[in-house]
Amino acid sequence: MKPRWFLPTLVLLPLAAAAATLDVPRLPSPVFADREVSGDATLPTGIQDDLRRFRLELSFDATPTNNVQVAFGRDAEPLDGALAAEEAAFIIGWDSGEWFLRPAGLKERFVHAPADGQTPRQRNLRAAIRVNTQGTPTAVEFSDDAGAFAFEGLPPAPPPLWLAPDNWNLLRVTVRGAAIADEDVRVRFLPDGATIILR
């Protein structure tokens, strides 16, 4: 029986968007001891037009030692379709028993440690970012299975500018410590939003 590892889902809710489907190549087989694998996906041009709310939902089987994260950013020189660390606007996900959020430069790290973070089980993370007509973030909310929470040290208001969806045209899903080499990434952009699923 094939093991079920995780299902990260990204949902964008613009006022309008053209329908399109993008398939990301199969994640490569792990070559490192920590079983790290990653896959990139380009956000179609114009997907952020008229975007007023961005929602991220991440669901997976968490352990005290694995890492599941999604990085958002903009492809720069070289334009290679791969999101390098220096191109990331921020990274959000799970690492060794706690939720984390890291802005550009990776010098800061905001965390929230669930009371049962060392207990292996399925976990769900939800984030919602609201922006104004200029694309500036006006509110951000985070929650998990226990309810709403705040990342320690992250300014509550106004939200940092690196959370603005206009800053992104590429994302990267990275997993360490999970055997998902045979999984696919499928990205589907629908008329009323977009869903990015790793299954």
N, C-alpha and C. Protein backbone atom coordinates (compact mmCIF):
# COMPACT_ATOMS: atom_id res chain seq x y z
N MET A 1 0.84 -1.19 0.00
CA MET A 1 0.00 0.00 0.00
C MET A 1 0.88 1.24 0.00
N LYS A 2 0.59 2.16 -0.87
CA LYS A 2 1.39 3.37 -0.99
C LYS A 2 1.14 4.30 0.19
N PRO A 3 2.17 4.77 0.87
CA PRO A 3 1.96 5.65 2.03
C PRO A 3 1.47 7.02 1.60
N ARG A 4 0.64 7.65 2.42
CA ARG A 4 0.17 9.01 2.17
C ARG A 4 0.99 9.95 3.03
N TRP A 5 1.64 10.93 2.40
CA TRP A 5 2.56 11.77 3.15
C TRP A 5 1.99 13.14 3.42
N PHE A 6 1.63 13.89 2.41
CA PHE A 6 1.07 15.21 2.68
C PHE A 6 0.35 15.75 1.46
N LEU A 7 -0.48 16.75 1.67
CA LEU A 7 -1.25 17.37 0.60
C LEU A 7 -1.24 18.88 0.80
N PRO A 8 -0.21 19.60 0.29
CA PRO A 8 -0.25 21.04 0.40
C PRO A 8 -1.15 21.62 -0.68
N THR A 9 -1.98 22.57 -0.33
CA THR A 9 -2.90 23.17 -1.28
C THR A 9 -2.83 24.68 -1.18
N LEU A 10 -2.66 25.34 -2.31
CA LEU A 10 -2.61 26.79 -2.37
C LEU A 10 -3.83 27.28 -3.10
N VAL A 11 -4.56 28.25 -2.55
CA VAL A 11 -5.75 28.78 -3.19
C VAL A 11 -5.61 30.28 -3.34
N LEU A 12 -5.70 30.78 -4.59
CA LEU A 12 -5.72 32.21 -4.85
C LEU A 12 -7.14 32.60 -5.20
N LEU A 13 -7.64 33.70 -4.63
CA LEU A 13 -9.01 34.12 -4.89
C LEU A 13 -9.06 35.52 -5.49
N PRO A 14 -8.81 35.67 -6.80
CA PRO A 14 -8.93 36.97 -7.44
C PRO A 14 -10.38 37.22 -7.83
N LEU A 15 -10.68 38.46 -8.25
CA LEU A 15 -12.03 38.75 -8.72
C LEU A 15 -12.30 38.03 -10.03
N ALA A 16 -11.27 37.89 -10.86
CA ALA A 16 -11.43 37.19 -12.12
C ALA A 16 -10.08 36.69 -12.56
N ALA A 17 -10.06 35.55 -13.21
CA ALA A 17 -8.81 35.00 -13.73
C ALA A 17 -9.12 34.04 -14.85
N ALA A 18 -8.25 33.98 -15.85
CA ALA A 18 -8.44 33.06 -16.95
C ALA A 18 -8.14 31.65 -16.49
N ALA A 19 -8.86 30.69 -17.07
CA ALA A 19 -8.64 29.30 -16.70
C ALA A 19 -7.42 28.76 -17.43
N ALA A 20 -6.61 28.00 -16.75
CA ALA A 20 -5.42 27.38 -17.34
C ALA A 20 -5.00 26.23 -16.47
N THR A 21 -4.26 25.30 -17.03
CA THR A 21 -3.74 24.17 -16.27
C THR A 21 -2.25 24.05 -16.53
N LEU A 22 -1.48 23.88 -15.49
CA LEU A 22 -0.03 23.74 -15.60
C LEU A 22 0.40 22.51 -14.82
N ASP A 23 1.11 21.61 -15.47
CA ASP A 23 1.65 20.43 -14.80
C ASP A 23 3.13 20.62 -14.56
N VAL A 24 3.55 20.47 -13.31
CA VAL A 24 4.95 20.57 -12.94
C VAL A 24 5.58 19.19 -13.08
N PRO A 25 6.80 19.08 -13.61
CA PRO A 25 7.43 17.76 -13.75
C PRO A 25 7.51 17.03 -12.42
N ARG A 26 7.55 15.71 -12.50
CA ARG A 26 7.64 14.87 -11.30
C ARG A 26 8.84 15.26 -10.46
N LEU A 27 8.65 15.27 -9.16
CA LEU A 27 9.76 15.60 -8.27
C LEU A 27 10.87 14.57 -8.44
N PRO A 28 12.12 15.00 -8.41
CA PRO A 28 13.23 14.07 -8.60
C PRO A 28 13.38 13.14 -7.40
N SER A 29 14.08 12.05 -7.61
CA SER A 29 14.36 11.13 -6.50
C SER A 29 15.34 11.79 -5.53
N PRO A 30 15.17 11.56 -4.24
CA PRO A 30 16.08 12.16 -3.25
C PRO A 30 17.51 11.67 -3.46
N VAL A 31 18.46 12.58 -3.34
CA VAL A 31 19.88 12.21 -3.46
C VAL A 31 20.64 12.53 -2.18
N PHE A 32 19.95 13.18 -1.22
CA PHE A 32 20.59 13.55 0.03
C PHE A 32 20.07 12.67 1.17
N ALA A 33 20.85 12.59 2.23
CA ALA A 33 20.48 11.75 3.37
C ALA A 33 19.16 12.20 4.01
N ASP A 34 18.85 13.51 3.93
CA ASP A 34 17.61 13.99 4.54
C ASP A 34 16.42 13.85 3.59
N ARG A 35 16.62 13.18 2.43
CA ARG A 35 15.57 12.91 1.44
C ARG A 35 14.92 14.19 0.94
N GLU A 36 15.69 15.25 0.76
CA GLU A 36 15.14 16.51 0.26
C GLU A 36 14.76 16.40 -1.21
N VAL A 37 13.54 16.83 -1.52
CA VAL A 37 13.08 16.95 -2.89
C VAL A 37 12.33 18.27 -3.02
N SER A 38 12.30 18.84 -4.23
CA SER A 38 11.60 20.10 -4.42
C SER A 38 11.07 20.19 -5.85
N GLY A 39 10.08 21.05 -6.03
CA GLY A 39 9.51 21.30 -7.35
C GLY A 39 9.08 22.74 -7.46
N ASP A 40 9.27 23.34 -8.64
CA ASP A 40 8.93 24.74 -8.88
C ASP A 40 7.69 24.85 -9.76
N ALA A 41 6.93 25.92 -9.59
CA ALA A 41 5.77 26.20 -10.43
C ALA A 41 5.70 27.69 -10.70
N THR A 42 5.51 28.04 -11.96
CA THR A 42 5.40 29.45 -12.36
C THR A 42 3.94 29.88 -12.27
N LEU A 43 3.68 31.00 -11.64
CA LEU A 43 2.33 31.55 -11.60
C LEU A 43 2.06 32.26 -12.92
N PRO A 44 0.95 31.96 -13.60
CA PRO A 44 0.67 32.58 -14.89
C PRO A 44 0.61 34.10 -14.80
N THR A 45 1.04 34.77 -15.85
CA THR A 45 0.99 36.23 -15.90
C THR A 45 -0.44 36.71 -15.71
N GLY A 46 -0.61 37.68 -14.82
CA GLY A 46 -1.93 38.26 -14.61
C GLY A 46 -2.76 37.58 -13.55
N ILE A 47 -2.26 36.48 -12.96
CA ILE A 47 -3.06 35.77 -11.96
C ILE A 47 -3.31 36.64 -10.73
N GLN A 48 -2.40 37.61 -10.47
CA GLN A 48 -2.59 38.47 -9.31
C GLN A 48 -3.44 39.70 -9.61
N ASP A 49 -3.81 39.91 -10.90
CA ASP A 49 -4.61 41.08 -11.25
C ASP A 49 -5.92 41.07 -10.46
N ASP A 50 -6.24 42.20 -9.86
CA ASP A 50 -7.47 42.37 -9.08
C ASP A 50 -7.54 41.42 -7.88
N LEU A 51 -6.39 40.88 -7.49
CA LEU A 51 -6.37 40.00 -6.32
C LEU A 51 -6.58 40.81 -5.05
N ARG A 52 -7.54 40.41 -4.24
CA ARG A 52 -7.81 41.10 -2.98
C ARG A 52 -7.57 40.18 -1.78
N ARG A 53 -7.52 38.90 -2.03
CA ARG A 53 -7.31 37.95 -0.94
C ARG A 53 -6.50 36.77 -1.44
N PHE A 54 -5.47 36.43 -0.70
CA PHE A 54 -4.63 35.28 -0.99
C PHE A 54 -4.79 34.30 0.16
N ARG A 55 -5.03 33.04 -0.18
CA ARG A 55 -5.22 32.05 0.88
C ARG A 55 -4.34 30.84 0.61
N LEU A 56 -3.65 30.41 1.64
CA LEU A 56 -2.79 29.23 1.58
C LEU A 56 -3.31 28.19 2.56
N GLU A 57 -3.47 26.96 2.09
CA GLU A 57 -3.84 25.85 2.96
C GLU A 57 -2.82 24.74 2.77
N LEU A 58 -2.24 24.30 3.85
CA LEU A 58 -1.20 23.28 3.82
C LEU A 58 -1.60 22.14 4.74
N SER A 59 -1.72 20.93 4.20
CA SER A 59 -2.13 19.77 4.98
C SER A 59 -1.19 18.62 4.69
N PHE A 60 -0.66 17.99 5.73
CA PHE A 60 0.33 16.93 5.53
C PHE A 60 0.51 16.14 6.82
N ASP A 61 1.22 15.03 6.73
CA ASP A 61 1.56 14.23 7.90
C ASP A 61 2.85 14.76 8.50
N ALA A 62 2.75 15.39 9.65
CA ALA A 62 3.91 16.04 10.28
C ALA A 62 4.55 15.13 11.32
N THR A 63 5.87 15.26 11.45
CA THR A 63 6.62 14.56 12.48
C THR A 63 7.53 15.57 13.17
N PRO A 64 8.15 15.20 14.29
CA PRO A 64 9.07 16.12 14.97
C PRO A 64 10.36 16.37 14.19
N THR A 65 10.56 15.66 13.07
CA THR A 65 11.83 15.80 12.35
C THR A 65 11.68 16.18 10.88
N ASN A 66 10.46 16.15 10.32
CA ASN A 66 10.37 16.46 8.89
C ASN A 66 10.14 17.95 8.64
N ASN A 67 10.29 18.33 7.37
CA ASN A 67 10.18 19.72 6.94
C ASN A 67 9.36 19.76 5.66
N VAL A 68 8.29 20.56 5.66
CA VAL A 68 7.46 20.79 4.48
C VAL A 68 7.30 22.29 4.35
N GLN A 69 7.68 22.85 3.21
CA GLN A 69 7.63 24.31 3.08
C GLN A 69 7.30 24.73 1.66
N VAL A 70 6.71 25.94 1.55
CA VAL A 70 6.42 26.55 0.27
C VAL A 70 7.07 27.92 0.25
N ALA A 71 7.90 28.18 -0.77
CA ALA A 71 8.57 29.47 -0.93
C ALA A 71 7.92 30.22 -2.08
N PHE A 72 7.70 31.52 -1.89
CA PHE A 72 7.13 32.38 -2.92
C PHE A 72 8.14 33.47 -3.26
N GLY A 73 8.28 33.79 -4.54
CA GLY A 73 9.22 34.83 -4.93
C GLY A 73 9.12 35.17 -6.40
N ARG A 74 10.14 35.85 -6.90
CA ARG A 74 10.16 36.30 -8.30
C ARG A 74 11.44 35.81 -8.96
N ASP A 75 11.27 35.15 -10.10
CA ASP A 75 12.41 34.65 -10.86
C ASP A 75 13.24 35.83 -11.36
N ALA A 76 14.53 35.82 -11.06
CA ALA A 76 15.43 36.90 -11.47
C ALA A 76 16.53 36.32 -12.33
N GLU A 77 17.62 37.06 -12.48
CA GLU A 77 18.72 36.57 -13.30
C GLU A 77 19.46 35.43 -12.60
N PRO A 78 19.64 34.31 -13.29
CA PRO A 78 19.09 34.01 -14.62
C PRO A 78 17.63 33.59 -14.54
N LEU A 79 16.86 33.87 -15.60
CA LEU A 79 15.47 33.46 -15.65
C LEU A 79 15.42 31.98 -16.00
N ASP A 80 15.49 31.15 -14.97
CA ASP A 80 15.62 29.71 -15.20
C ASP A 80 14.43 28.90 -14.71
N GLY A 81 13.38 29.58 -14.21
CA GLY A 81 12.21 28.85 -13.74
C GLY A 81 12.40 28.10 -12.44
N ALA A 82 13.52 28.37 -11.77
CA ALA A 82 13.80 27.74 -10.47
C ALA A 82 13.97 28.84 -9.43
N LEU A 83 13.26 28.73 -8.33
CA LEU A 83 13.30 29.76 -7.30
C LEU A 83 14.49 29.53 -6.38
N ALA A 84 15.53 30.35 -6.54
CA ALA A 84 16.71 30.27 -5.68
C ALA A 84 16.41 30.94 -4.34
N ALA A 85 17.21 30.63 -3.33
CA ALA A 85 16.99 31.19 -1.99
C ALA A 85 16.99 32.71 -2.01
N GLU A 86 17.89 33.31 -2.81
CA GLU A 86 17.98 34.77 -2.85
C GLU A 86 16.83 35.41 -3.62
N GLU A 87 16.02 34.60 -4.32
CA GLU A 87 14.87 35.13 -5.06
C GLU A 87 13.57 35.03 -4.27
N ALA A 88 13.59 34.35 -3.14
CA ALA A 88 12.38 34.12 -2.35
C ALA A 88 11.97 35.37 -1.59
N ALA A 89 10.66 35.71 -1.67
CA ALA A 89 10.12 36.79 -0.86
C ALA A 89 9.86 36.30 0.56
N PHE A 90 9.37 35.07 0.68
CA PHE A 90 9.20 34.46 1.99
C PHE A 90 8.99 32.96 1.84
N ILE A 91 9.20 32.25 2.93
CA ILE A 91 8.99 30.80 3.00
C ILE A 91 8.10 30.53 4.21
N ILE A 92 7.12 29.66 4.02
CA ILE A 92 6.23 29.30 5.12
C ILE A 92 6.09 27.78 5.16
N GLY A 93 5.99 27.22 6.37
CA GLY A 93 5.82 25.77 6.46
C GLY A 93 6.07 25.22 7.84
N TRP A 94 6.45 23.95 7.87
CA TRP A 94 6.65 23.18 9.10
C TRP A 94 8.09 22.71 9.16
N ASP A 95 8.70 22.82 10.34
CA ASP A 95 10.07 22.35 10.49
C ASP A 95 10.29 21.83 11.90
N SER A 96 10.49 20.53 12.02
CA SER A 96 10.88 19.90 13.28
C SER A 96 9.99 20.29 14.46
N GLY A 97 8.69 20.19 14.26
CA GLY A 97 7.77 20.39 15.37
C GLY A 97 7.20 21.78 15.54
N GLU A 98 7.44 22.69 14.58
CA GLU A 98 6.88 24.04 14.70
C GLU A 98 6.62 24.65 13.33
N TRP A 99 5.63 25.56 13.30
CA TRP A 99 5.37 26.34 12.10
C TRP A 99 6.42 27.45 12.02
N PHE A 100 6.81 27.81 10.80
CA PHE A 100 7.78 28.89 10.66
C PHE A 100 7.46 29.77 9.46
N LEU A 101 7.97 30.99 9.52
CA LEU A 101 7.82 31.98 8.45
C LEU A 101 9.14 32.72 8.35
N ARG A 102 9.74 32.72 7.14
CA ARG A 102 11.04 33.36 6.94
C ARG A 102 10.95 34.34 5.77
N PRO A 103 11.25 35.63 6.00
CA PRO A 103 11.22 36.61 4.92
C PRO A 103 12.47 36.56 4.06
N ALA A 104 12.49 37.39 3.03
CA ALA A 104 13.62 37.48 2.11
C ALA A 104 14.92 37.68 2.88
N GLY A 105 15.98 37.07 2.38
CA GLY A 105 17.27 37.17 3.03
C GLY A 105 17.52 36.05 4.02
N LEU A 106 16.42 35.42 4.49
CA LEU A 106 16.50 34.26 5.40
C LEU A 106 17.25 34.55 6.69
N LYS A 107 17.36 35.83 7.06
CA LYS A 107 18.08 36.18 8.29
C LYS A 107 17.15 36.20 9.50
N GLU A 108 15.85 36.34 9.25
CA GLU A 108 14.86 36.32 10.33
C GLU A 108 14.06 35.02 10.23
N ARG A 109 13.53 34.61 11.37
CA ARG A 109 12.70 33.40 11.40
C ARG A 109 11.66 33.56 12.50
N PHE A 110 10.40 33.61 12.09
CA PHE A 110 9.30 33.72 13.03
C PHE A 110 8.69 32.33 13.20
N VAL A 111 8.39 31.96 14.43
CA VAL A 111 7.91 30.60 14.68
C VAL A 111 6.67 30.60 15.57
N HIS A 112 5.92 29.52 15.45
CA HIS A 112 4.84 29.20 16.37
C HIS A 112 4.95 27.71 16.66
N ALA A 113 5.16 27.37 17.93
CA ALA A 113 5.32 25.97 18.32
C ALA A 113 4.03 25.46 18.95
N PRO A 114 3.28 24.59 18.27
CA PRO A 114 2.08 24.01 18.87
C PRO A 114 2.43 23.22 20.13
N ALA A 115 1.50 23.18 21.06
CA ALA A 115 1.74 22.48 22.32
C ALA A 115 2.07 21.01 22.09
N ASP A 116 1.50 20.42 21.03
CA ASP A 116 1.75 19.00 20.75
C ASP A 116 2.65 18.84 19.53
N GLY A 117 3.53 19.79 19.30
CA GLY A 117 4.37 19.78 18.11
C GLY A 117 5.26 18.57 17.95
N GLN A 118 5.55 17.87 19.04
CA GLN A 118 6.41 16.69 18.96
C GLN A 118 5.61 15.41 18.74
N THR A 119 4.30 15.54 18.55
CA THR A 119 3.44 14.38 18.29
C THR A 119 3.23 14.20 16.80
N PRO A 120 3.63 13.06 16.23
CA PRO A 120 3.41 12.83 14.80
C PRO A 120 1.92 12.70 14.49
N ARG A 121 1.42 13.48 13.55
CA ARG A 121 0.02 13.40 13.13
C ARG A 121 -0.20 14.32 11.94
N GLN A 122 -1.37 14.21 11.32
CA GLN A 122 -1.71 15.11 10.23
C GLN A 122 -1.95 16.51 10.79
N ARG A 123 -1.41 17.51 10.10
CA ARG A 123 -1.57 18.90 10.53
C ARG A 123 -2.03 19.77 9.36
N ASN A 124 -2.68 20.87 9.72
CA ASN A 124 -3.21 21.79 8.72
C ASN A 124 -2.83 23.22 9.09
N LEU A 125 -2.30 23.94 8.12
CA LEU A 125 -1.95 25.35 8.28
C LEU A 125 -2.77 26.16 7.30
N ARG A 126 -3.33 27.26 7.77
CA ARG A 126 -4.09 28.17 6.92
C ARG A 126 -3.56 29.58 7.11
N ALA A 127 -3.38 30.28 6.00
CA ALA A 127 -2.95 31.68 6.03
C ALA A 127 -3.82 32.46 5.06
N ALA A 128 -4.21 33.67 5.45
CA ALA A 128 -5.01 34.54 4.58
C ALA A 128 -4.39 35.93 4.59
N ILE A 129 -4.10 36.45 3.39
CA ILE A 129 -3.51 37.78 3.24
C ILE A 129 -4.48 38.63 2.43
N ARG A 130 -4.89 39.75 3.00
CA ARG A 130 -5.76 40.68 2.28
C ARG A 130 -4.93 41.88 1.82
N VAL A 131 -5.20 42.35 0.60
CA VAL A 131 -4.47 43.49 0.05
C VAL A 131 -5.46 44.54 -0.43
N ASN A 132 -4.97 45.80 -0.53
CA ASN A 132 -5.82 46.87 -1.05
C ASN A 132 -5.68 46.97 -2.57
N THR A 133 -6.29 47.99 -3.16
CA THR A 133 -6.29 48.13 -4.61
C THR A 133 -4.90 48.39 -5.17
N GLN A 134 -3.96 48.84 -4.32
CA GLN A 134 -2.58 49.05 -4.75
C GLN A 134 -1.73 47.79 -4.57
N GLY A 135 -2.33 46.72 -4.04
CA GLY A 135 -1.59 45.48 -3.84
C GLY A 135 -0.83 45.42 -2.53
N THR A 136 -1.03 46.40 -1.65
CA THR A 136 -0.34 46.43 -0.36
C THR A 136 -1.09 45.58 0.66
N PRO A 137 -0.41 44.70 1.38
CA PRO A 137 -1.09 43.89 2.39
C PRO A 137 -1.71 44.76 3.48
N THR A 138 -2.96 44.48 3.83
CA THR A 138 -3.64 45.23 4.88
C THR A 138 -3.95 44.37 6.10
N ALA A 139 -4.00 43.07 5.94
CA ALA A 139 -4.27 42.17 7.07
C ALA A 139 -3.75 40.78 6.74
N VAL A 140 -3.29 40.08 7.76
CA VAL A 140 -2.84 38.70 7.58
C VAL A 140 -3.27 37.89 8.79
N GLU A 141 -3.74 36.68 8.54
CA GLU A 141 -4.20 35.80 9.60
C GLU A 141 -3.61 34.40 9.40
N PHE A 142 -3.25 33.76 10.51
CA PHE A 142 -2.72 32.40 10.47
C PHE A 142 -3.51 31.55 11.45
N SER A 143 -3.73 30.29 11.09
CA SER A 143 -4.41 29.37 12.00
C SER A 143 -4.00 27.94 11.68
N ASP A 144 -4.16 27.06 12.68
CA ASP A 144 -3.94 25.64 12.47
C ASP A 144 -5.09 24.89 13.12
N ASP A 145 -4.91 23.61 13.39
CA ASP A 145 -6.01 22.81 13.94
C ASP A 145 -6.49 23.31 15.30
N ALA A 146 -5.62 24.00 16.03
CA ALA A 146 -5.99 24.51 17.35
C ALA A 146 -6.64 25.89 17.29
N GLY A 147 -6.68 26.51 16.11
CA GLY A 147 -7.27 27.83 15.97
C GLY A 147 -6.27 28.88 15.53
N ALA A 148 -6.66 30.15 15.64
CA ALA A 148 -5.81 31.25 15.20
C ALA A 148 -4.57 31.37 16.07
N PHE A 149 -3.45 31.76 15.45
CA PHE A 149 -2.22 31.99 16.20
C PHE A 149 -1.43 33.10 15.54
N ALA A 150 -0.43 33.61 16.25
CA ALA A 150 0.46 34.63 15.72
C ALA A 150 1.89 34.10 15.75
N PHE A 151 2.65 34.39 14.69
CA PHE A 151 4.06 34.05 14.69
C PHE A 151 4.79 35.00 15.64
N GLU A 152 5.53 34.44 16.58
CA GLU A 152 6.24 35.24 17.57
C GLU A 152 7.21 36.21 16.90
N GLY A 153 7.06 37.50 17.21
CA GLY A 153 7.95 38.52 16.68
C GLY A 153 7.50 39.16 15.39
N LEU A 154 6.49 38.59 14.71
CA LEU A 154 6.01 39.17 13.46
C LEU A 154 5.09 40.35 13.77
N PRO A 155 5.39 41.55 13.25
CA PRO A 155 4.54 42.71 13.52
C PRO A 155 3.10 42.44 13.08
N PRO A 156 2.11 42.67 13.96
CA PRO A 156 0.72 42.36 13.62
C PRO A 156 0.10 43.31 12.61
N ALA A 157 0.48 44.58 12.65
CA ALA A 157 -0.09 45.57 11.74
C ALA A 157 0.86 46.76 11.62
N PRO A 158 1.04 47.26 10.40
CA PRO A 158 0.57 46.66 9.15
C PRO A 158 1.43 45.46 8.80
N PRO A 159 0.90 44.54 7.99
CA PRO A 159 1.70 43.37 7.59
C PRO A 159 2.92 43.81 6.78
N PRO A 160 4.01 43.05 6.83
CA PRO A 160 5.20 43.41 6.06
C PRO A 160 4.94 43.35 4.56
N LEU A 161 5.63 44.22 3.81
CA LEU A 161 5.42 44.32 2.37
C LEU A 161 5.84 43.06 1.63
N TRP A 162 6.73 42.24 2.22
CA TRP A 162 7.15 41.03 1.52
C TRP A 162 6.04 39.99 1.42
N LEU A 163 4.90 40.24 2.06
CA LEU A 163 3.75 39.36 1.92
C LEU A 163 2.84 39.76 0.76
N ALA A 164 3.21 40.78 -0.02
CA ALA A 164 2.39 41.24 -1.13
C ALA A 164 2.45 40.26 -2.30
N PRO A 165 1.32 39.74 -2.77
CA PRO A 165 1.31 38.79 -3.89
C PRO A 165 1.93 39.34 -5.17
N ASP A 166 1.93 40.66 -5.36
CA ASP A 166 2.53 41.24 -6.56
C ASP A 166 4.02 40.93 -6.66
N ASN A 167 4.63 40.54 -5.54
CA ASN A 167 6.07 40.24 -5.53
C ASN A 167 6.39 38.83 -6.01
N TRP A 168 5.38 38.05 -6.36
CA TRP A 168 5.62 36.64 -6.68
C TRP A 168 5.24 36.31 -8.12
N ASN A 169 6.05 35.52 -8.78
CA ASN A 169 5.65 34.88 -10.04
C ASN A 169 6.10 33.42 -10.09
N LEU A 170 6.66 32.95 -8.95
CA LEU A 170 7.19 31.60 -8.91
C LEU A 170 7.08 31.06 -7.48
N LEU A 171 6.82 29.78 -7.35
CA LEU A 171 6.83 29.16 -6.03
C LEU A 171 7.62 27.87 -6.08
N ARG A 172 8.11 27.46 -4.92
CA ARG A 172 8.84 26.19 -4.81
C ARG A 172 8.34 25.43 -3.59
N VAL A 173 7.96 24.17 -3.80
CA VAL A 173 7.60 23.27 -2.71
C VAL A 173 8.81 22.41 -2.39
N THR A 174 9.21 22.37 -1.13
CA THR A 174 10.36 21.57 -0.71
C THR A 174 9.96 20.68 0.46
N VAL A 175 10.39 19.43 0.40
CA VAL A 175 10.08 18.47 1.46
C VAL A 175 11.37 17.77 1.86
N ARG A 176 11.57 17.63 3.15
CA ARG A 176 12.71 16.88 3.68
C ARG A 176 12.19 15.87 4.70
N GLY A 177 12.70 14.66 4.60
CA GLY A 177 12.31 13.63 5.56
C GLY A 177 11.01 12.94 5.22
N ALA A 178 10.52 13.09 3.99
CA ALA A 178 9.30 12.41 3.57
C ALA A 178 9.56 11.70 2.25
N ALA A 179 9.13 10.47 2.14
CA ALA A 179 9.39 9.68 0.94
C ALA A 179 8.32 9.95 -0.11
N ILE A 180 8.48 11.02 -0.88
CA ILE A 180 7.47 11.38 -1.87
C ILE A 180 8.07 11.47 -3.26
N ALA A 181 9.15 10.75 -3.51
CA ALA A 181 9.83 10.86 -4.80
C ALA A 181 8.92 10.49 -5.97
N ASP A 182 7.91 9.66 -5.73
CA ASP A 182 7.04 9.22 -6.81
C ASP A 182 5.78 10.07 -6.95
N GLU A 183 5.71 11.16 -6.22
CA GLU A 183 4.52 12.01 -6.28
C GLU A 183 4.63 13.03 -7.41
N ASP A 184 3.49 13.58 -7.83
CA ASP A 184 3.43 14.60 -8.87
C ASP A 184 2.94 15.91 -8.27
N VAL A 185 3.31 17.00 -8.92
CA VAL A 185 2.77 18.31 -8.58
C VAL A 185 1.88 18.73 -9.73
N ARG A 186 0.65 19.04 -9.46
CA ARG A 186 -0.25 19.53 -10.50
C ARG A 186 -0.79 20.89 -10.08
N VAL A 187 -0.68 21.86 -10.97
CA VAL A 187 -1.12 23.21 -10.69
C VAL A 187 -2.29 23.53 -11.60
N ARG A 188 -3.44 23.84 -11.04
CA ARG A 188 -4.62 24.16 -11.83
C ARG A 188 -5.12 25.55 -11.48
N PHE A 189 -5.25 26.40 -12.48
CA PHE A 189 -5.77 27.74 -12.29
C PHE A 189 -7.19 27.78 -12.84
N LEU A 190 -8.15 28.10 -11.99
CA LEU A 190 -9.55 28.05 -12.34
C LEU A 190 -10.13 29.46 -12.48
N PRO A 191 -11.30 29.61 -13.13
CA PRO A 191 -11.87 30.94 -13.34
C PRO A 191 -12.10 31.72 -12.05
N ASP A 192 -12.40 31.02 -10.96
CA ASP A 192 -12.69 31.72 -9.71
C ASP A 192 -11.54 31.62 -8.71
N GLY A 193 -10.35 31.27 -9.19
CA GLY A 193 -9.22 31.18 -8.27
C GLY A 193 -8.18 30.22 -8.80
N ALA A 194 -7.31 29.77 -7.94
CA ALA A 194 -6.29 28.82 -8.35
C ALA A 194 -6.02 27.85 -7.21
N THR A 195 -5.79 26.61 -7.56
CA THR A 195 -5.47 25.61 -6.56
C THR A 195 -4.19 24.90 -6.96
N ILE A 196 -3.24 24.82 -6.06
CA ILE A 196 -1.98 24.13 -6.31
C ILE A 196 -1.93 22.94 -5.36
N ILE A 197 -1.86 21.75 -5.91
CA ILE A 197 -1.95 20.53 -5.11
C ILE A 197 -0.74 19.65 -5.34
N LEU A 198 -0.16 19.18 -4.28
CA LEU A 198 0.89 18.16 -4.35
C LEU A 198 0.31 16.90 -3.75
N ARG A 199 0.20 15.84 -4.55
CA ARG A 199 -0.45 14.63 -4.04
C ARG A 199 0.24 13.39 -4.56
